[in-house]
Amino acid sequence: MIRRGDPITFRALAQAAGVSLDFLYRNAELRRRVEQLRDQQRATPQPTPASPDPDRPSSVVRTLTTQLADLKRRHRDENHRTQTSTRGCAR
């Protein structure tokens, strides 16, 4: 939990370890350690996420750009087929 940066709480630890809350609260050494880590975590400011690089498009922008390029290609192909079939009918 510490390595992953997960919040240290009795409930989260009990779930992660597969033990009961009662077990954690009754074990004085574990209880002191959880309280110590929880207090330490509260006192330490959480790192703010890095601001996105303005020169690097977000995944949403990349996805939409890809979809737009695909639609343009399909439209171009369809126009080409329509023009080709129309020329054949005009003869």
PDB file of N, CA and C in Angstrom:
ATOM      1  N   MET A   1       0.827  -1.183   0.000  1.00  0.00           N
ATOM      2  CA  MET A   1       0.000   0.000   0.000  1.00  0.00           C
ATOM      3  C   MET A   1       0.875   1.251   0.000  1.00  0.00           C
ATOM      4  N   ILE A   2       1.951   1.201   0.756  1.00  0.00           N
ATOM      5  CA  ILE A   2       2.855   2.344   0.818  1.00  0.00           C
ATOM      6  C   ILE A   2       3.522   2.553  -0.538  1.00  0.00           C
ATOM      7  N   ARG A   3       4.027   1.501  -1.123  1.00  0.00           N
ATOM      8  CA  ARG A   3       4.706   1.609  -2.422  1.00  0.00           C
ATOM      9  C   ARG A   3       3.777   2.123  -3.506  1.00  0.00           C
ATOM     10  N   ARG A   4       2.522   1.703  -3.464  1.00  0.00           N
ATOM     11  CA  ARG A   4       1.554   2.134  -4.477  1.00  0.00           C
ATOM     12  C   ARG A   4       1.018   3.529  -4.192  1.00  0.00           C
ATOM     13  N   GLY A   5       1.252   4.022  -2.978  1.00  0.00           N
ATOM     14  CA  GLY A   5       0.745   5.338  -2.605  1.00  0.00           C
ATOM     15  C   GLY A   5      -0.713   5.303  -2.193  1.00  0.00           C
ATOM     16  N   ASP A   6      -1.209   4.107  -1.850  1.00  0.00           N
ATOM     17  CA  ASP A   6      -2.599   3.975  -1.414  1.00  0.00           C
ATOM     18  C   ASP A   6      -2.772   4.613  -0.036  1.00  0.00           C
ATOM     19  N   PRO A   7      -3.941   5.159   0.238  1.00  0.00           N
ATOM     20  CA  PRO A   7      -4.197   5.702   1.579  1.00  0.00           C
ATOM     21  C   PRO A   7      -4.132   4.580   2.624  1.00  0.00           C
ATOM     22  N   ILE A   8      -3.456   4.847   3.699  1.00  0.00           N
ATOM     23  CA  ILE A   8      -3.339   3.870   4.780  1.00  0.00           C
ATOM     24  C   ILE A   8      -4.509   4.064   5.726  1.00  0.00           C
ATOM     25  N   THR A   9      -5.403   3.105   5.734  1.00  0.00           N
ATOM     26  CA  THR A   9      -6.530   3.104   6.661  1.00  0.00           C
ATOM     27  C   THR A   9      -6.685   1.686   7.193  1.00  0.00           C
ATOM     28  N   PHE A  10      -7.329   1.585   8.338  1.00  0.00           N
ATOM     29  CA  PHE A  10      -7.568   0.254   8.899  1.00  0.00           C
ATOM     30  C   PHE A  10      -8.413  -0.585   7.945  1.00  0.00           C
ATOM     31  N   ARG A  11      -9.443   0.024   7.395  1.00  0.00           N
ATOM     32  CA  ARG A  11     -10.361  -0.708   6.508  1.00  0.00           C
ATOM     33  C   ARG A  11      -9.625  -1.187   5.240  1.00  0.00           C
ATOM     34  N   ALA A  12      -8.819  -0.305   4.634  1.00  0.00           N
ATOM     35  CA  ALA A  12      -8.101  -0.680   3.413  1.00  0.00           C
ATOM     36  C   ALA A  12      -7.081  -1.779   3.698  1.00  0.00           C
ATOM     37  N   LEU A  13      -6.389  -1.666   4.831  1.00  0.00           N
ATOM     38  CA  LEU A  13      -5.402  -2.682   5.197  1.00  0.00           C
ATOM     39  C   LEU A  13      -6.076  -4.017   5.482  1.00  0.00           C
ATOM     40  N   ALA A  14      -7.181  -3.992   6.187  1.00  0.00           N
ATOM     41  CA  ALA A  14      -7.898  -5.228   6.485  1.00  0.00           C
ATOM     42  C   ALA A  14      -8.332  -5.914   5.198  1.00  0.00           C
ATOM     43  N   GLN A  15      -8.825  -5.134   4.257  1.00  0.00           N
ATOM     44  CA  GLN A  15      -9.261  -5.712   2.982  1.00  0.00           C
ATOM     45  C   GLN A  15      -8.075  -6.255   2.194  1.00  0.00           C
ATOM     46  N   ALA A  16      -6.982  -5.487   2.136  1.00  0.00           N
ATOM     47  CA  ALA A  16      -5.803  -5.927   1.382  1.00  0.00           C
ATOM     48  C   ALA A  16      -5.176  -7.175   1.987  1.00  0.00           C
ATOM     49  N   ALA A  17      -5.179  -7.251   3.325  1.00  0.00           N
ATOM     50  CA  ALA A  17      -4.537  -8.380   4.009  1.00  0.00           C
ATOM     51  C   ALA A  17      -5.479  -9.553   4.224  1.00  0.00           C
ATOM     52  N   GLY A  18      -6.758  -9.329   4.000  1.00  0.00           N
ATOM     53  CA  GLY A  18      -7.717 -10.410   4.211  1.00  0.00           C
ATOM     54  C   GLY A  18      -7.927 -10.740   5.679  1.00  0.00           C
ATOM     55  N   VAL A  19      -7.875  -9.705   6.514  1.00  0.00           N
ATOM     56  CA  VAL A  19      -8.109  -9.894   7.948  1.00  0.00           C
ATOM     57  C   VAL A  19      -9.263  -8.986   8.372  1.00  0.00           C
ATOM     58  N   SER A  20      -9.725  -9.179   9.576  1.00  0.00           N
ATOM     59  CA  SER A  20     -10.841  -8.372  10.072  1.00  0.00           C
ATOM     60  C   SER A  20     -10.321  -7.062  10.670  1.00  0.00           C
ATOM     61  N   LEU A  21     -11.209  -6.096  10.714  1.00  0.00           N
ATOM     62  CA  LEU A  21     -10.876  -4.840  11.388  1.00  0.00           C
ATOM     63  C   LEU A  21     -10.580  -5.092  12.861  1.00  0.00           C
ATOM     64  N   ASP A  22     -11.373  -5.970  13.448  1.00  0.00           N
ATOM     65  CA  ASP A  22     -11.195  -6.308  14.862  1.00  0.00           C
ATOM     66  C   ASP A  22      -9.776  -6.818  15.118  1.00  0.00           C
ATOM     67  N   PHE A  23      -9.258  -7.646  14.232  1.00  0.00           N
ATOM     68  CA  PHE A  23      -7.904  -8.180  14.374  1.00  0.00           C
ATOM     69  C   PHE A  23      -6.878  -7.042  14.404  1.00  0.00           C
ATOM     70  N   LEU A  24      -7.015  -6.090  13.488  1.00  0.00           N
ATOM     71  CA  LEU A  24      -6.058  -4.980  13.433  1.00  0.00           C
ATOM     72  C   LEU A  24      -6.153  -4.102  14.675  1.00  0.00           C
ATOM     73  N   TYR A  25      -7.367  -3.826  15.105  1.00  0.00           N
ATOM     74  CA  TYR A  25      -7.536  -2.973  16.276  1.00  0.00           C
ATOM     75  C   TYR A  25      -7.056  -3.650  17.557  1.00  0.00           C
ATOM     76  N   ARG A  26      -7.215  -4.976  17.668  1.00  0.00           N
ATOM     77  CA  ARG A  26      -6.819  -5.689  18.895  1.00  0.00           C
ATOM     78  C   ARG A  26      -5.312  -5.897  18.994  1.00  0.00           C
ATOM     79  N   ASN A  27      -4.618  -5.930  17.850  1.00  0.00           N
ATOM     80  CA  ASN A  27      -3.169  -6.141  17.865  1.00  0.00           C
ATOM     81  C   ASN A  27      -2.499  -4.782  18.057  1.00  0.00           C
ATOM     82  N   ALA A  28      -1.967  -4.544  19.261  1.00  0.00           N
ATOM     83  CA  ALA A  28      -1.437  -3.226  19.635  1.00  0.00           C
ATOM     84  C   ALA A  28      -0.303  -2.779  18.712  1.00  0.00           C
ATOM     85  N   GLU A  29       0.583  -3.689  18.348  1.00  0.00           N
ATOM     86  CA  GLU A  29       1.718  -3.327  17.497  1.00  0.00           C
ATOM     87  C   GLU A  29       1.251  -2.927  16.088  1.00  0.00           C
ATOM     88  N   LEU A  30       0.329  -3.706  15.532  1.00  0.00           N
ATOM     89  CA  LEU A  30      -0.210  -3.373  14.208  1.00  0.00           C
ATOM     90  C   LEU A  30      -0.996  -2.063  14.257  1.00  0.00           C
ATOM     91  N   ARG A  31      -1.753  -1.910  15.320  1.00  0.00           N
ATOM     92  CA  ARG A  31      -2.561  -0.696  15.453  1.00  0.00           C
ATOM     93  C   ARG A  31      -1.675   0.544  15.500  1.00  0.00           C
ATOM     94  N   ARG A  32      -0.610   0.490  16.289  1.00  0.00           N
ATOM     95  CA  ARG A  32       0.312   1.628  16.379  1.00  0.00           C
ATOM     96  C   ARG A  32       0.949   1.919  15.019  1.00  0.00           C
ATOM     97  N   ARG A  33       1.333   0.874  14.294  1.00  0.00           N
ATOM     98  CA  ARG A  33       1.979   1.049  12.981  1.00  0.00           C
ATOM     99  C   ARG A  33       1.014   1.672  11.963  1.00  0.00           C
ATOM    100  N   VAL A  34      -0.211   1.200  11.941  1.00  0.00           N
ATOM    101  CA  VAL A  34      -1.202   1.758  11.015  1.00  0.00           C
ATOM    102  C   VAL A  34      -1.454   3.223  11.356  1.00  0.00           C
ATOM    103  N   GLU A  35      -1.605   3.522  12.633  1.00  0.00           N
ATOM    104  CA  GLU A  35      -1.845   4.910  13.047  1.00  0.00           C
ATOM    105  C   GLU A  35      -0.653   5.794  12.688  1.00  0.00           C
ATOM    106  N   GLN A  36       0.563   5.270  12.893  1.00  0.00           N
ATOM    107  CA  GLN A  36       1.773   6.025  12.568  1.00  0.00           C
ATOM    108  C   GLN A  36       1.830   6.323  11.066  1.00  0.00           C
ATOM    109  N   LEU A  37       1.605   5.304  10.245  1.00  0.00           N
ATOM    110  CA  LEU A  37       1.655   5.491   8.791  1.00  0.00           C
ATOM    111  C   LEU A  37       0.535   6.405   8.306  1.00  0.00           C
ATOM    112  N   ARG A  38      -0.626   6.257   8.883  1.00  0.00           N
ATOM    113  CA  ARG A  38      -1.767   7.100   8.503  1.00  0.00           C
ATOM    114  C   ARG A  38      -1.481   8.561   8.838  1.00  0.00           C
ATOM    115  N   ASP A  39      -0.954   8.811  10.045  1.00  0.00           N
ATOM    116  CA  ASP A  39      -0.632  10.180  10.450  1.00  0.00           C
ATOM    117  C   ASP A  39       0.492  10.757   9.582  1.00  0.00           C
ATOM    118  N   GLN A  40       1.458   9.937   9.283  1.00  0.00           N
ATOM    119  CA  GLN A  40       2.569  10.363   8.435  1.00  0.00           C
ATOM    120  C   GLN A  40       2.054  10.718   7.037  1.00  0.00           C
ATOM    121  N   GLN A  41       1.157   9.933   6.539  1.00  0.00           N
ATOM    122  CA  GLN A  41       0.598  10.180   5.216  1.00  0.00           C
ATOM    123  C   GLN A  41      -0.224  11.473   5.206  1.00  0.00           C
ATOM    124  N   ARG A  42      -0.946  11.716   6.256  1.00  0.00           N
ATOM    125  CA  ARG A  42      -1.752  12.946   6.348  1.00  0.00           C
ATOM    126  C   ARG A  42      -0.863  14.181   6.423  1.00  0.00           C
ATOM    127  N   ALA A  43       0.286  14.063   7.097  1.00  0.00           N
ATOM    128  CA  ALA A  43       1.188  15.196   7.282  1.00  0.00           C
ATOM    129  C   ALA A  43       1.989  15.501   6.008  1.00  0.00           C
ATOM    130  N   THR A  44       2.200  14.490   5.197  1.00  0.00           N
ATOM    131  CA  THR A  44       2.967  14.669   3.967  1.00  0.00           C
ATOM    132  C   THR A  44       2.034  15.109   2.861  1.00  0.00           C
ATOM    133  N   PRO A  45       2.319  16.245   2.230  1.00  0.00           N
ATOM    134  CA  PRO A  45       1.441  16.673   1.139  1.00  0.00           C
ATOM    135  C   PRO A  45       1.498  15.681  -0.017  1.00  0.00           C
ATOM    136  N   GLN A  46       0.336  15.402  -0.563  1.00  0.00           N
ATOM    137  CA  GLN A  46       0.247  14.474  -1.686  1.00  0.00           C
ATOM    138  C   GLN A  46       0.816  15.147  -2.927  1.00  0.00           C
ATOM    139  N   PRO A  47       1.584  14.412  -3.712  1.00  0.00           N
ATOM    140  CA  PRO A  47       2.142  15.022  -4.920  1.00  0.00           C
ATOM    141  C   PRO A  47       1.024  15.400  -5.890  1.00  0.00           C
ATOM    142  N   THR A  48       1.158  16.580  -6.441  1.00  0.00           N
ATOM    143  CA  THR A  48       0.160  16.997  -7.423  1.00  0.00           C
ATOM    144  C   THR A  48       0.505  16.370  -8.754  1.00  0.00           C
ATOM    145  N   PRO A  49      -0.500  15.957  -9.491  1.00  0.00           N
ATOM    146  CA  PRO A  49      -0.206  15.349 -10.784  1.00  0.00           C
ATOM    147  C   PRO A  49       0.490  16.355 -11.688  1.00  0.00           C
ATOM    148  N   ALA A  50       1.414  15.848 -12.458  1.00  0.00           N
ATOM    149  CA  ALA A  50       2.152  16.711 -13.376  1.00  0.00           C
ATOM    150  C   ALA A  50       1.185  17.335 -14.370  1.00  0.00           C
ATOM    151  N   SER A  51       1.421  18.597 -14.645  1.00  0.00           N
ATOM    152  CA  SER A  51       0.538  19.252 -15.611  1.00  0.00           C
ATOM    153  C   SER A  51       0.818  18.671 -16.989  1.00  0.00           C
ATOM    154  N   PRO A  52      -0.216  18.528 -17.783  1.00  0.00           N
ATOM    155  CA  PRO A  52      -0.033  17.923 -19.091  1.00  0.00           C
ATOM    156  C   PRO A  52       0.862  18.784 -19.972  1.00  0.00           C
ATOM    157  N   ASP A  53       1.651  18.132 -20.778  1.00  0.00           N
ATOM    158  CA  ASP A  53       2.538  18.808 -21.712  1.00  0.00           C
ATOM    159  C   ASP A  53       1.686  19.411 -22.822  1.00  0.00           C
ATOM    160  N   PRO A  54       1.729  20.740 -22.995  1.00  0.00           N
ATOM    161  CA  PRO A  54       0.873  21.358 -24.016  1.00  0.00           C
ATOM    162  C   PRO A  54       1.240  20.941 -25.430  1.00  0.00           C
ATOM    163  N   ASP A  55       2.455  20.439 -25.614  1.00  0.00           N
ATOM    164  CA  ASP A  55       2.877  19.999 -26.940  1.00  0.00           C
ATOM    165  C   ASP A  55       2.489  18.557 -27.232  1.00  0.00           C
ATOM    166  N   ARG A  56       1.942  17.868 -26.235  1.00  0.00           N
ATOM    167  CA  ARG A  56       1.564  16.462 -26.409  1.00  0.00           C
ATOM    168  C   ARG A  56       0.052  16.347 -26.299  1.00  0.00           C
ATOM    169  N   PRO A  57      -0.612  15.930 -27.379  1.00  0.00           N
ATOM    170  CA  PRO A  57      -2.081  15.863 -27.323  1.00  0.00           C
ATOM    171  C   PRO A  57      -2.562  14.781 -26.365  1.00  0.00           C
ATOM    172  N   SER A  58      -3.720  15.034 -25.785  1.00  0.00           N
ATOM    173  CA  SER A  58      -4.306  14.065 -24.864  1.00  0.00           C
ATOM    174  C   SER A  58      -4.799  12.855 -25.646  1.00  0.00           C
ATOM    175  N   SER A  59      -5.114  11.793 -24.926  1.00  0.00           N
ATOM    176  CA  SER A  59      -5.606  10.577 -25.584  1.00  0.00           C
ATOM    177  C   SER A  59      -6.931  10.828 -26.287  1.00  0.00           C
ATOM    178  N   VAL A  60      -7.754  11.738 -25.761  1.00  0.00           N
ATOM    179  CA  VAL A  60      -9.026  12.054 -26.394  1.00  0.00           C
ATOM    180  C   VAL A  60      -8.775  12.722 -27.744  1.00  0.00           C
ATOM    181  N   VAL A  61      -7.841  13.664 -27.758  1.00  0.00           N
ATOM    182  CA  VAL A  61      -7.514  14.357 -29.007  1.00  0.00           C
ATOM    183  C   VAL A  61      -6.949  13.368 -30.025  1.00  0.00           C
ATOM    184  N   ARG A  62      -6.061  12.498 -29.581  1.00  0.00           N
ATOM    185  CA  ARG A  62      -5.485  11.495 -30.496  1.00  0.00           C
ATOM    186  C   ARG A  62      -6.565  10.583 -31.051  1.00  0.00           C
ATOM    187  N   THR A  63      -7.482  10.151 -30.204  1.00  0.00           N
ATOM    188  CA  THR A  63      -8.564   9.266 -30.649  1.00  0.00           C
ATOM    189  C   THR A  63      -9.449   9.961 -31.667  1.00  0.00           C
ATOM    190  N   LEU A  64      -9.846  11.188 -31.365  1.00  0.00           N
ATOM    191  CA  LEU A  64     -10.706  11.930 -32.288  1.00  0.00           C
ATOM    192  C   LEU A  64      -9.997  12.238 -33.600  1.00  0.00           C
ATOM    193  N   THR A  65      -8.711  12.546 -33.533  1.00  0.00           N
ATOM    194  CA  THR A  65      -7.942  12.803 -34.752  1.00  0.00           C
ATOM    195  C   THR A  65      -7.885  11.559 -35.620  1.00  0.00           C
ATOM    196  N   THR A  66      -7.683  10.413 -35.001  1.00  0.00           N
ATOM    197  CA  THR A  66      -7.657   9.146 -35.742  1.00  0.00           C
ATOM    198  C   THR A  66      -9.014   8.860 -36.372  1.00  0.00           C
ATOM    199  N   GLN A  67     -10.078   9.077 -35.616  1.00  0.00           N
ATOM    200  CA  GLN A  67     -11.425   8.844 -36.156  1.00  0.00           C
ATOM    201  C   GLN A  67     -11.713   9.791 -37.321  1.00  0.00           C
ATOM    202  N   LEU A  68     -11.317  11.052 -37.188  1.00  0.00           N
ATOM    203  CA  LEU A  68     -11.542  12.023 -38.254  1.00  0.00           C
ATOM    204  C   LEU A  68     -10.768  11.637 -39.511  1.00  0.00           C
ATOM    205  N   ALA A  69      -9.518  11.221 -39.352  1.00  0.00           N
ATOM    206  CA  ALA A  69      -8.720  10.802 -40.502  1.00  0.00           C
ATOM    207  C   ALA A  69      -9.369   9.602 -41.185  1.00  0.00           C
ATOM    208  N   ASP A  70      -9.899   8.663 -40.420  1.00  0.00           N
ATOM    209  CA  ASP A  70     -10.564   7.489 -40.984  1.00  0.00           C
ATOM    210  C   ASP A  70     -11.829   7.897 -41.745  1.00  0.00           C
ATOM    211  N   LEU A  71     -12.617   8.795 -41.173  1.00  0.00           N
ATOM    212  CA  LEU A  71     -13.830   9.264 -41.851  1.00  0.00           C
ATOM    213  C   LEU A  71     -13.496   9.996 -43.152  1.00  0.00           C
ATOM    214  N   LYS A  72     -12.447  10.804 -43.126  1.00  0.00           N
ATOM    215  CA  LYS A  72     -12.035  11.510 -44.344  1.00  0.00           C
ATOM    216  C   LYS A  72     -11.617  10.521 -45.428  1.00  0.00           C
ATOM    217  N   ARG A  73     -10.849   9.499 -45.030  1.00  0.00           N
ATOM    218  CA  ARG A  73     -10.412   8.489 -45.993  1.00  0.00           C
ATOM    219  C   ARG A  73     -11.606   7.760 -46.581  1.00  0.00           C
ATOM    220  N   ARG A  74     -12.554   7.373 -45.744  1.00  0.00           N
ATOM    221  CA  ARG A  74     -13.743   6.667 -46.232  1.00  0.00           C
ATOM    222  C   ARG A  74     -14.563   7.561 -47.154  1.00  0.00           C
ATOM    223  N   HIS A  75     -14.676   8.834 -46.812  1.00  0.00           N
ATOM    224  CA  HIS A  75     -15.425   9.785 -47.644  1.00  0.00           C
ATOM    225  C   HIS A  75     -14.746   9.937 -49.010  1.00  0.00           C
ATOM    226  N   ARG A  76     -13.434  10.066 -49.003  1.00  0.00           N
ATOM    227  CA  ARG A  76     -12.669  10.186 -50.247  1.00  0.00           C
ATOM    228  C   ARG A  76     -12.852   8.948 -51.114  1.00  0.00           C
ATOM    229  N   ASP A  77     -12.772   7.758 -50.487  1.00  0.00           N
ATOM    230  CA  ASP A  77     -12.952   6.497 -51.221  1.00  0.00           C
ATOM    231  C   ASP A  77     -14.361   6.405 -51.815  1.00  0.00           C
ATOM    232  N   GLU A  78     -15.346   6.791 -51.009  1.00  0.00           N
ATOM    233  CA  GLU A  78     -16.729   6.731 -51.485  1.00  0.00           C
ATOM    234  C   GLU A  78     -16.952   7.703 -52.645  1.00  0.00           C
ATOM    235  N   ASN A  79     -16.403   8.907 -52.535  1.00  0.00           N
ATOM    236  CA  ASN A  79     -16.517   9.871 -53.637  1.00  0.00           C
ATOM    237  C   ASN A  79     -15.854   9.341 -54.908  1.00  0.00           C
ATOM    238  N   HIS A  80     -14.705   8.718 -54.740  1.00  0.00           N
ATOM    239  CA  HIS A  80     -13.992   8.170 -55.894  1.00  0.00           C
ATOM    240  C   HIS A  80     -14.828   7.074 -56.563  1.00  0.00           C
ATOM    241  N   ARG A  81     -15.415   6.175 -55.745  1.00  0.00           N
ATOM    242  CA  ARG A  81     -16.257   5.111 -56.302  1.00  0.00           C
ATOM    243  C   ARG A  81     -17.487   5.695 -57.006  1.00  0.00           C
ATOM    244  N   THR A  82     -18.081   6.720 -56.390  1.00  0.00           N
ATOM    245  CA  THR A  82     -19.271   7.348 -56.983  1.00  0.00           C
ATOM    246  C   THR A  82     -18.917   8.003 -58.310  1.00  0.00           C
ATOM    247  N   GLN A  83     -17.805   8.707 -58.367  1.00  0.00           N
ATOM    248  CA  GLN A  83     -17.394   9.359 -59.610  1.00  0.00           C
ATOM    249  C   GLN A  83     -17.061   8.335 -60.683  1.00  0.00           C
ATOM    250  N   THR A  84     -16.440   7.242 -60.293  1.00  0.00           N
ATOM    251  CA  THR A  84     -16.081   6.197 -61.246  1.00  0.00           C
ATOM    252  C   THR A  84     -17.336   5.524 -61.806  1.00  0.00           C
ATOM    253  N   SER A  85     -18.302   5.242 -60.932  1.00  0.00           N
ATOM    254  CA  SER A  85     -19.527   4.582 -61.399  1.00  0.00           C
ATOM    255  C   SER A  85     -20.395   5.543 -62.203  1.00  0.00           C
ATOM    256  N   THR A  86     -20.381   6.825 -61.896  1.00  0.00           N
ATOM    257  CA  THR A  86     -21.162   7.826 -62.638  1.00  0.00           C
ATOM    258  C   THR A  86     -20.587   7.995 -64.025  1.00  0.00           C
ATOM    259  N   ARG A  87     -19.302   7.962 -64.190  1.00  0.00           N
ATOM    260  CA  ARG A  87     -18.671   8.085 -65.509  1.00  0.00           C
ATOM    261  C   ARG A  87     -19.059   6.904 -66.382  1.00  0.00           C
ATOM    262  N   GLY A  88     -19.163   5.744 -65.766  1.00  0.00           N
ATOM    263  CA  GLY A  88     -19.534   4.543 -66.542  1.00  0.00           C
ATOM    264  C   GLY A  88     -20.976   4.612 -67.019  1.00  0.00           C
ATOM    265  N   CYS A  89     -21.869   5.264 -66.261  1.00  0.00           N
ATOM    266  CA  CYS A  89     -23.285   5.363 -66.630  1.00  0.00           C
ATOM    267  C   CYS A  89     -23.522   6.417 -67.689  1.00  0.00           C
ATOM    268  N   ALA A  90     -22.655   7.415 -67.780  1.00  0.00           N
ATOM    269  CA  ALA A  90     -22.865   8.508 -68.718  1.00  0.00           C
ATOM    270  C   ALA A  90     -22.590   8.109 -70.155  1.00  0.00           C
ATOM    271  N   ARG A  91     -21.890   7.038 -70.389  1.00  0.00           N
ATOM    272  CA  ARG A  91     -21.532   6.624 -71.741  1.00  0.00           C
ATOM    273  C   ARG A  91     -22.648   6.054 -72.480  1.00  0.00           C
TER     274      ARG A  91
END
